[in-house]
């Protein structure tokens, strides 16, 4: 059986962990998969999320006040990686990108027809998933930056 010494150590360990468990936020991970591949990072508020290219669970998952959109993303196959504000895809957001940014406000279809090698979402400077007038101030703020 178990010695008194062993039971005492287990009891002490549980006693120490108990308050930490009680004070923890009420988050749950009810479903998950083990996927392989690269990674990308998304941040917002005090949260950071990493996804992988092998992620098979495409679609939106919601719970509480949170929403997670999953699925495949591929960098380098469909064109250059997203670089906020870099509308001519030269790796930098500069004054040369201003007229192209205004052109992107006309919509994705027209943009893709006129600039097939440069992502329309480079104009999504507020990271909302689309390009709108709300991207103007964030675009101005990224002028002068270089993409990684």
N, C-alpha and C. Protein backbone atom coordinates (compact mmCIF):
# COMPACT_ATOMS: atom_id res chain seq x y z
N UNK A 1 0.84 -1.19 0.00
CA UNK A 1 0.00 0.00 0.00
C UNK A 1 0.88 1.25 0.00
N UNK A 2 0.23 2.36 0.26
CA UNK A 2 0.95 3.63 0.28
C UNK A 2 1.43 3.94 1.67
N UNK A 3 2.64 4.49 1.75
CA UNK A 3 3.18 4.87 3.06
C UNK A 3 2.53 6.17 3.52
N UNK A 4 2.61 6.40 4.80
CA UNK A 4 2.08 7.63 5.37
C UNK A 4 2.82 8.83 4.80
N UNK A 5 4.10 8.67 4.60
CA UNK A 5 4.94 9.74 4.05
C UNK A 5 4.46 10.11 2.63
N UNK A 6 4.16 9.11 1.78
CA UNK A 6 3.69 9.34 0.42
C UNK A 6 2.34 10.06 0.44
N UNK A 7 1.42 9.59 1.26
CA UNK A 7 0.09 10.19 1.35
C UNK A 7 0.18 11.63 1.83
N UNK A 8 1.07 11.90 2.75
CA UNK A 8 1.27 13.26 3.25
C UNK A 8 1.76 14.18 2.13
N UNK A 9 2.71 13.71 1.33
CA UNK A 9 3.23 14.52 0.21
C UNK A 9 2.14 14.80 -0.82
N UNK A 10 1.34 13.80 -1.12
CA UNK A 10 0.25 14.00 -2.08
C UNK A 10 -0.74 15.01 -1.53
N UNK A 11 -1.08 14.89 -0.26
CA UNK A 11 -2.01 15.81 0.37
C UNK A 11 -1.47 17.24 0.34
N UNK A 12 -0.20 17.42 0.64
CA UNK A 12 0.41 18.76 0.63
C UNK A 12 0.40 19.33 -0.79
N UNK A 13 0.73 18.50 -1.77
CA UNK A 13 0.73 18.96 -3.16
C UNK A 13 -0.67 19.39 -3.59
N UNK A 14 -1.68 18.62 -3.24
CA UNK A 14 -3.05 18.98 -3.59
C UNK A 14 -3.50 20.23 -2.85
N UNK A 15 -3.09 20.38 -1.63
CA UNK A 15 -3.46 21.56 -0.84
C UNK A 15 -2.85 22.82 -1.46
N UNK A 16 -1.63 22.70 -1.99
CA UNK A 16 -0.98 23.85 -2.62
C UNK A 16 -1.62 24.20 -3.96
N UNK A 17 -2.03 23.20 -4.70
CA UNK A 17 -2.62 23.42 -6.02
C UNK A 17 -4.07 23.85 -5.93
N UNK A 18 -4.75 23.47 -4.90
CA UNK A 18 -6.18 23.78 -4.76
C UNK A 18 -6.51 25.25 -4.93
N UNK A 19 -5.87 26.16 -4.19
CA UNK A 19 -6.20 27.58 -4.34
C UNK A 19 -5.92 28.09 -5.75
N UNK A 20 -4.86 27.61 -6.40
CA UNK A 20 -4.55 28.05 -7.76
C UNK A 20 -5.66 27.63 -8.71
N UNK A 21 -6.17 26.44 -8.53
CA UNK A 21 -7.25 25.95 -9.38
C UNK A 21 -8.51 26.76 -9.14
N UNK A 22 -8.79 27.09 -7.90
CA UNK A 22 -9.99 27.86 -7.57
C UNK A 22 -9.92 29.28 -8.10
N UNK A 23 -8.72 29.87 -8.17
CA UNK A 23 -8.56 31.24 -8.62
C UNK A 23 -8.46 31.36 -10.14
N UNK A 24 -8.28 30.27 -10.84
CA UNK A 24 -8.12 30.30 -12.29
C UNK A 24 -9.40 30.77 -12.97
N UNK A 25 -9.22 31.44 -14.14
CA UNK A 25 -10.38 31.85 -14.93
C UNK A 25 -11.13 30.61 -15.41
N UNK A 26 -12.37 30.80 -15.75
CA UNK A 26 -13.22 29.68 -16.13
C UNK A 26 -13.17 29.45 -17.65
N UNK A 27 -11.99 29.10 -18.18
CA UNK A 27 -11.84 28.79 -19.59
C UNK A 27 -11.82 27.28 -19.75
N UNK A 28 -12.35 26.81 -20.88
CA UNK A 28 -12.39 25.37 -21.13
C UNK A 28 -11.96 25.08 -22.55
N UNK A 29 -11.23 24.03 -22.73
CA UNK A 29 -10.86 23.54 -24.04
C UNK A 29 -11.55 22.19 -24.18
N UNK A 30 -12.78 22.22 -24.71
CA UNK A 30 -13.62 21.03 -24.75
C UNK A 30 -13.29 20.11 -25.92
N UNK A 31 -12.64 20.65 -26.94
CA UNK A 31 -12.36 19.85 -28.13
C UNK A 31 -11.03 20.32 -28.72
N UNK A 32 -10.21 19.39 -29.18
CA UNK A 32 -8.94 19.75 -29.77
C UNK A 32 -8.43 18.62 -30.65
N UNK A 33 -7.48 18.94 -31.52
CA UNK A 33 -6.82 17.93 -32.34
C UNK A 33 -5.32 18.19 -32.29
N UNK A 34 -4.55 17.18 -32.59
CA UNK A 34 -3.11 17.33 -32.70
C UNK A 34 -2.80 17.47 -34.18
N UNK A 35 -2.33 18.65 -34.58
CA UNK A 35 -2.07 18.93 -35.98
C UNK A 35 -0.58 19.22 -36.16
N UNK A 36 -0.12 19.11 -37.37
CA UNK A 36 1.29 19.38 -37.65
C UNK A 36 1.42 20.49 -38.66
N UNK A 37 2.62 21.02 -38.77
CA UNK A 37 2.88 22.03 -39.79
C UNK A 37 3.53 23.25 -39.20
N UNK A 38 3.48 24.33 -39.96
CA UNK A 38 4.07 25.59 -39.53
C UNK A 38 3.21 26.26 -38.50
N UNK A 39 3.46 27.55 -38.30
CA UNK A 39 2.64 28.26 -37.33
C UNK A 39 2.48 29.70 -37.74
N UNK A 40 1.43 30.32 -37.26
CA UNK A 40 1.21 31.75 -37.40
C UNK A 40 0.71 32.24 -36.06
N UNK A 41 0.89 33.49 -35.77
CA UNK A 41 0.47 34.03 -34.47
C UNK A 41 -0.56 35.11 -34.67
N UNK A 42 -1.58 35.09 -33.85
CA UNK A 42 -2.59 36.13 -33.80
C UNK A 42 -2.66 36.62 -32.37
N UNK A 43 -2.77 37.91 -32.18
CA UNK A 43 -2.85 38.46 -30.83
C UNK A 43 -4.01 39.44 -30.75
N UNK A 44 -4.54 39.60 -29.57
CA UNK A 44 -5.59 40.56 -29.32
C UNK A 44 -5.87 40.63 -27.84
N UNK A 45 -5.92 41.82 -27.30
CA UNK A 45 -6.11 41.95 -25.85
C UNK A 45 -4.97 41.25 -25.14
N UNK A 46 -5.28 40.42 -24.18
CA UNK A 46 -4.25 39.69 -23.46
C UNK A 46 -4.08 38.27 -23.97
N UNK A 47 -4.57 37.99 -25.19
CA UNK A 47 -4.54 36.63 -25.70
C UNK A 47 -3.60 36.50 -26.88
N UNK A 48 -3.01 35.33 -27.02
CA UNK A 48 -2.16 35.01 -28.16
C UNK A 48 -2.52 33.61 -28.63
N UNK A 49 -2.63 33.41 -29.94
CA UNK A 49 -3.07 32.14 -30.48
C UNK A 49 -2.16 31.72 -31.61
N UNK A 50 -1.78 30.46 -31.63
CA UNK A 50 -0.97 29.92 -32.72
C UNK A 50 -1.77 28.84 -33.42
N UNK A 51 -1.73 28.83 -34.73
CA UNK A 51 -2.40 27.80 -35.51
C UNK A 51 -1.40 27.10 -36.41
N UNK A 52 -1.77 25.96 -36.95
CA UNK A 52 -0.86 25.23 -37.82
C UNK A 52 -1.46 25.01 -39.18
N UNK A 53 -0.60 24.76 -40.16
CA UNK A 53 -1.05 24.55 -41.52
C UNK A 53 -1.82 23.25 -41.66
N UNK A 54 -1.64 22.33 -40.74
CA UNK A 54 -2.35 21.06 -40.79
C UNK A 54 -3.69 21.09 -40.11
N UNK A 55 -4.17 22.25 -39.77
CA UNK A 55 -5.40 22.40 -39.01
C UNK A 55 -6.61 22.04 -39.87
N UNK A 56 -7.29 20.93 -39.60
CA UNK A 56 -8.40 20.49 -40.45
C UNK A 56 -9.75 21.09 -40.08
N UNK A 57 -9.85 21.79 -38.98
CA UNK A 57 -11.14 22.24 -38.48
C UNK A 57 -11.51 23.61 -39.03
N UNK A 58 -11.78 23.68 -40.34
CA UNK A 58 -12.13 24.95 -40.98
C UNK A 58 -13.50 25.41 -40.50
N UNK A 59 -13.64 26.70 -40.32
CA UNK A 59 -14.91 27.28 -39.92
C UNK A 59 -14.77 28.10 -38.65
N UNK A 60 -15.85 28.66 -38.20
CA UNK A 60 -15.84 29.49 -37.00
C UNK A 60 -16.31 28.68 -35.80
N UNK A 61 -15.58 28.81 -34.71
CA UNK A 61 -15.95 28.17 -33.45
C UNK A 61 -16.17 29.28 -32.43
N UNK A 62 -17.28 29.25 -31.72
CA UNK A 62 -17.57 30.30 -30.76
C UNK A 62 -17.91 29.71 -29.41
N UNK A 63 -17.71 30.52 -28.39
CA UNK A 63 -18.06 30.11 -27.03
C UNK A 63 -17.87 31.29 -26.10
N UNK A 64 -18.84 31.58 -25.28
CA UNK A 64 -18.73 32.74 -24.40
C UNK A 64 -18.64 33.99 -25.26
N UNK A 65 -17.68 34.83 -24.98
CA UNK A 65 -17.46 36.03 -25.77
C UNK A 65 -16.34 35.88 -26.77
N UNK A 66 -15.94 34.64 -27.08
CA UNK A 66 -14.80 34.41 -27.94
C UNK A 66 -15.20 33.76 -29.25
N UNK A 67 -14.46 34.04 -30.31
CA UNK A 67 -14.67 33.39 -31.60
C UNK A 67 -13.31 33.04 -32.20
N UNK A 68 -13.21 31.84 -32.76
CA UNK A 68 -11.98 31.38 -33.39
C UNK A 68 -12.33 30.90 -34.78
N UNK A 69 -11.67 31.46 -35.79
CA UNK A 69 -11.87 31.01 -37.16
C UNK A 69 -10.68 30.13 -37.51
N UNK A 70 -10.94 28.88 -37.87
CA UNK A 70 -9.87 27.94 -38.18
C UNK A 70 -9.90 27.53 -39.63
N UNK A 71 -8.84 26.88 -40.04
CA UNK A 71 -8.76 26.39 -41.41
C UNK A 71 -7.34 26.49 -41.92
N UNK A 72 -7.18 26.27 -43.20
CA UNK A 72 -5.86 26.29 -43.80
C UNK A 72 -5.45 27.70 -44.19
N UNK A 73 -4.18 27.99 -44.06
CA UNK A 73 -3.58 29.20 -44.60
C UNK A 73 -2.26 28.77 -45.19
N UNK A 74 -1.91 29.37 -46.28
CA UNK A 74 -0.67 29.01 -46.96
C UNK A 74 0.07 30.29 -47.27
N UNK A 75 1.31 30.37 -46.88
CA UNK A 75 2.12 31.54 -47.14
C UNK A 75 3.09 31.25 -48.27
N UNK A 76 3.17 32.15 -49.24
CA UNK A 76 4.15 32.03 -50.29
C UNK A 76 3.63 31.30 -51.53
N UNK A 77 2.50 30.62 -51.47
CA UNK A 77 2.00 29.89 -52.62
C UNK A 77 1.11 30.80 -53.47
N UNK A 78 0.17 31.49 -52.83
CA UNK A 78 -0.75 32.34 -53.56
C UNK A 78 -0.17 33.73 -53.81
N UNK A 79 0.95 34.04 -53.25
CA UNK A 79 1.58 35.34 -53.40
C UNK A 79 2.35 35.67 -52.15
N UNK A 80 2.84 36.89 -52.08
CA UNK A 80 3.62 37.28 -50.91
C UNK A 80 2.79 37.24 -49.62
N UNK A 81 3.47 37.11 -48.50
CA UNK A 81 2.79 37.14 -47.21
C UNK A 81 2.16 38.51 -46.99
N UNK A 82 1.13 38.54 -46.15
CA UNK A 82 0.45 39.80 -45.86
C UNK A 82 1.41 40.74 -45.13
N UNK A 83 1.47 41.97 -45.61
CA UNK A 83 2.32 43.01 -45.02
C UNK A 83 1.49 44.28 -44.97
N UNK A 84 0.89 44.60 -43.81
CA UNK A 84 -0.01 45.76 -43.72
C UNK A 84 0.61 47.04 -44.25
N UNK A 85 -0.10 47.66 -45.21
CA UNK A 85 0.32 48.93 -45.77
C UNK A 85 1.20 48.83 -47.00
N UNK A 86 1.79 47.67 -47.26
CA UNK A 86 2.68 47.49 -48.42
C UNK A 86 1.85 47.16 -49.65
N UNK A 87 1.35 48.17 -50.33
CA UNK A 87 0.41 47.97 -51.42
C UNK A 87 1.09 47.66 -52.75
N UNK A 88 2.39 47.94 -52.89
CA UNK A 88 3.10 47.59 -54.12
C UNK A 88 4.01 46.38 -53.93
N UNK A 89 3.91 45.75 -52.75
CA UNK A 89 4.63 44.50 -52.44
C UNK A 89 6.15 44.62 -52.61
N UNK A 90 6.69 45.75 -52.17
CA UNK A 90 8.14 45.89 -52.21
C UNK A 90 8.78 45.64 -50.85
N UNK A 91 7.95 45.19 -49.87
CA UNK A 91 8.46 44.87 -48.54
C UNK A 91 8.47 46.04 -47.58
N UNK A 92 7.96 47.20 -48.03
CA UNK A 92 7.93 48.39 -47.17
C UNK A 92 6.62 49.13 -47.36
N UNK A 93 6.13 49.75 -46.30
CA UNK A 93 4.96 50.63 -46.38
C UNK A 93 5.49 52.06 -46.45
N UNK A 94 5.33 52.69 -47.62
CA UNK A 94 5.88 54.03 -47.84
C UNK A 94 4.83 54.92 -48.49
N UNK A 95 5.22 56.16 -48.75
CA UNK A 95 4.31 57.08 -49.42
C UNK A 95 3.94 56.59 -50.83
N UNK A 96 4.77 55.76 -51.43
CA UNK A 96 4.48 55.20 -52.75
C UNK A 96 3.26 54.27 -52.71
N UNK A 97 2.84 53.84 -51.53
CA UNK A 97 1.70 52.93 -51.39
C UNK A 97 0.36 53.64 -51.23
N UNK A 98 0.37 54.96 -51.09
CA UNK A 98 -0.87 55.69 -50.78
C UNK A 98 -1.91 55.55 -51.89
N UNK A 99 -1.55 55.83 -53.14
CA UNK A 99 -2.53 55.74 -54.23
C UNK A 99 -3.06 54.31 -54.38
N UNK A 100 -2.19 53.33 -54.19
CA UNK A 100 -2.60 51.93 -54.29
C UNK A 100 -3.55 51.56 -53.15
N UNK A 101 -3.31 52.12 -51.96
CA UNK A 101 -4.21 51.88 -50.83
C UNK A 101 -5.60 52.41 -51.16
N UNK A 102 -5.68 53.61 -51.72
CA UNK A 102 -6.97 54.20 -52.10
C UNK A 102 -7.65 53.30 -53.14
N UNK A 103 -6.86 52.76 -54.08
CA UNK A 103 -7.42 51.84 -55.09
C UNK A 103 -7.98 50.58 -54.44
N UNK A 104 -7.33 50.09 -53.40
CA UNK A 104 -7.79 48.87 -52.72
C UNK A 104 -9.14 49.08 -52.03
N UNK A 105 -9.44 50.32 -51.66
CA UNK A 105 -10.73 50.61 -51.03
C UNK A 105 -11.91 50.34 -51.98
N UNK A 106 -11.64 50.27 -53.29
CA UNK A 106 -12.70 50.01 -54.27
C UNK A 106 -13.19 48.57 -54.22
N UNK A 107 -12.41 47.67 -53.62
CA UNK A 107 -12.87 46.29 -53.48
C UNK A 107 -11.83 45.26 -53.91
N UNK A 108 -12.02 44.05 -53.41
CA UNK A 108 -11.06 42.97 -53.65
C UNK A 108 -11.03 42.51 -55.09
N UNK A 109 -12.18 42.42 -55.73
CA UNK A 109 -12.24 41.91 -57.10
C UNK A 109 -11.44 42.79 -58.06
N UNK A 110 -11.67 44.09 -57.99
CA UNK A 110 -10.93 45.02 -58.85
C UNK A 110 -9.45 44.98 -58.53
N UNK A 111 -9.12 44.89 -57.24
CA UNK A 111 -7.71 44.85 -56.84
C UNK A 111 -7.02 43.61 -57.42
N UNK A 112 -7.63 42.47 -57.25
CA UNK A 112 -7.01 41.22 -57.73
C UNK A 112 -6.84 41.22 -59.24
N UNK A 113 -7.75 41.86 -59.95
CA UNK A 113 -7.64 41.93 -61.40
C UNK A 113 -6.47 42.82 -61.82
N UNK A 114 -6.27 43.93 -61.12
CA UNK A 114 -5.21 44.87 -61.47
C UNK A 114 -3.86 44.55 -60.85
N UNK A 115 -3.86 43.81 -59.73
CA UNK A 115 -2.61 43.52 -59.01
C UNK A 115 -2.60 42.06 -58.56
N UNK A 116 -2.55 41.10 -59.47
CA UNK A 116 -2.69 39.69 -59.10
C UNK A 116 -1.59 39.14 -58.21
N UNK A 117 -0.44 39.76 -58.17
CA UNK A 117 0.65 39.23 -57.35
C UNK A 117 0.79 39.86 -55.98
N UNK A 118 -0.12 40.77 -55.63
CA UNK A 118 0.01 41.49 -54.37
C UNK A 118 -1.30 41.38 -53.59
N UNK A 119 -1.27 40.88 -52.35
CA UNK A 119 -2.51 40.64 -51.59
C UNK A 119 -3.31 41.91 -51.30
N UNK A 120 -4.59 41.85 -51.59
CA UNK A 120 -5.51 42.94 -51.28
C UNK A 120 -5.54 43.21 -49.78
N UNK A 121 -5.38 42.16 -48.98
CA UNK A 121 -5.45 42.32 -47.53
C UNK A 121 -4.25 43.08 -46.95
N UNK A 122 -3.28 43.45 -47.77
CA UNK A 122 -2.23 44.35 -47.29
C UNK A 122 -2.84 45.69 -46.88
N UNK A 123 -4.00 46.02 -47.45
CA UNK A 123 -4.70 47.26 -47.09
C UNK A 123 -5.51 47.12 -45.81
N UNK A 124 -5.64 45.91 -45.29
CA UNK A 124 -6.38 45.67 -44.04
C UNK A 124 -5.47 45.98 -42.85
N UNK A 125 -5.24 47.24 -42.62
CA UNK A 125 -4.28 47.66 -41.60
C UNK A 125 -4.83 47.61 -40.18
N UNK A 126 -6.15 47.44 -40.02
CA UNK A 126 -6.70 47.29 -38.67
C UNK A 126 -7.01 45.83 -38.37
N UNK A 127 -6.62 44.92 -39.28
CA UNK A 127 -6.72 43.46 -39.09
C UNK A 127 -8.16 42.99 -38.85
N UNK A 128 -9.11 43.58 -39.57
CA UNK A 128 -10.52 43.20 -39.42
C UNK A 128 -10.92 42.09 -40.38
N UNK A 129 -10.08 41.77 -41.34
CA UNK A 129 -10.40 40.73 -42.31
C UNK A 129 -10.98 41.28 -43.60
N UNK A 130 -11.13 42.59 -43.69
CA UNK A 130 -11.61 43.25 -44.91
C UNK A 130 -10.99 44.63 -44.99
N UNK A 131 -11.19 45.30 -46.11
CA UNK A 131 -10.61 46.63 -46.31
C UNK A 131 -11.75 47.64 -46.35
N UNK A 132 -11.73 48.59 -45.42
CA UNK A 132 -12.76 49.62 -45.34
C UNK A 132 -12.11 50.96 -44.99
N UNK A 133 -12.93 52.00 -44.89
CA UNK A 133 -12.42 53.30 -44.51
C UNK A 133 -11.81 53.28 -43.11
N UNK A 134 -12.19 52.31 -42.30
CA UNK A 134 -11.62 52.19 -40.95
C UNK A 134 -10.14 51.83 -40.99
N UNK A 135 -9.63 51.42 -42.15
CA UNK A 135 -8.21 51.10 -42.30
C UNK A 135 -7.34 52.31 -42.59
N UNK A 136 -7.94 53.47 -42.85
CA UNK A 136 -7.16 54.65 -43.25
C UNK A 136 -6.19 55.08 -42.17
N UNK A 137 -6.67 55.32 -40.95
CA UNK A 137 -5.77 55.77 -39.87
C UNK A 137 -4.69 54.73 -39.56
N UNK A 138 -5.03 53.43 -39.45
CA UNK A 138 -3.97 52.43 -39.24
C UNK A 138 -2.98 52.37 -40.40
N UNK A 139 -3.44 52.62 -41.64
CA UNK A 139 -2.53 52.65 -42.79
C UNK A 139 -1.52 53.78 -42.63
N UNK A 140 -2.01 54.96 -42.28
CA UNK A 140 -1.11 56.10 -42.08
C UNK A 140 -0.08 55.78 -41.00
N UNK A 141 -0.51 55.07 -39.97
CA UNK A 141 0.38 54.75 -38.85
C UNK A 141 1.50 53.77 -39.25
N UNK A 142 1.29 52.92 -40.27
CA UNK A 142 2.32 51.95 -40.64
C UNK A 142 3.27 52.48 -41.70
N UNK A 143 3.00 53.66 -42.26
CA UNK A 143 3.90 54.22 -43.26
C UNK A 143 5.28 54.40 -42.61
N UNK A 144 6.28 53.91 -43.30
CA UNK A 144 7.65 53.96 -42.79
C UNK A 144 8.13 52.64 -42.20
N UNK A 145 7.26 51.63 -42.19
CA UNK A 145 7.66 50.34 -41.63
C UNK A 145 8.14 49.39 -42.74
N UNK A 146 8.93 48.42 -42.33
CA UNK A 146 9.43 47.38 -43.23
C UNK A 146 8.86 46.06 -42.77
N UNK A 147 8.49 45.22 -43.73
CA UNK A 147 7.92 43.92 -43.40
C UNK A 147 9.03 42.93 -43.04
N UNK A 148 8.69 41.97 -42.19
CA UNK A 148 9.71 40.98 -41.81
C UNK A 148 10.08 40.09 -42.97
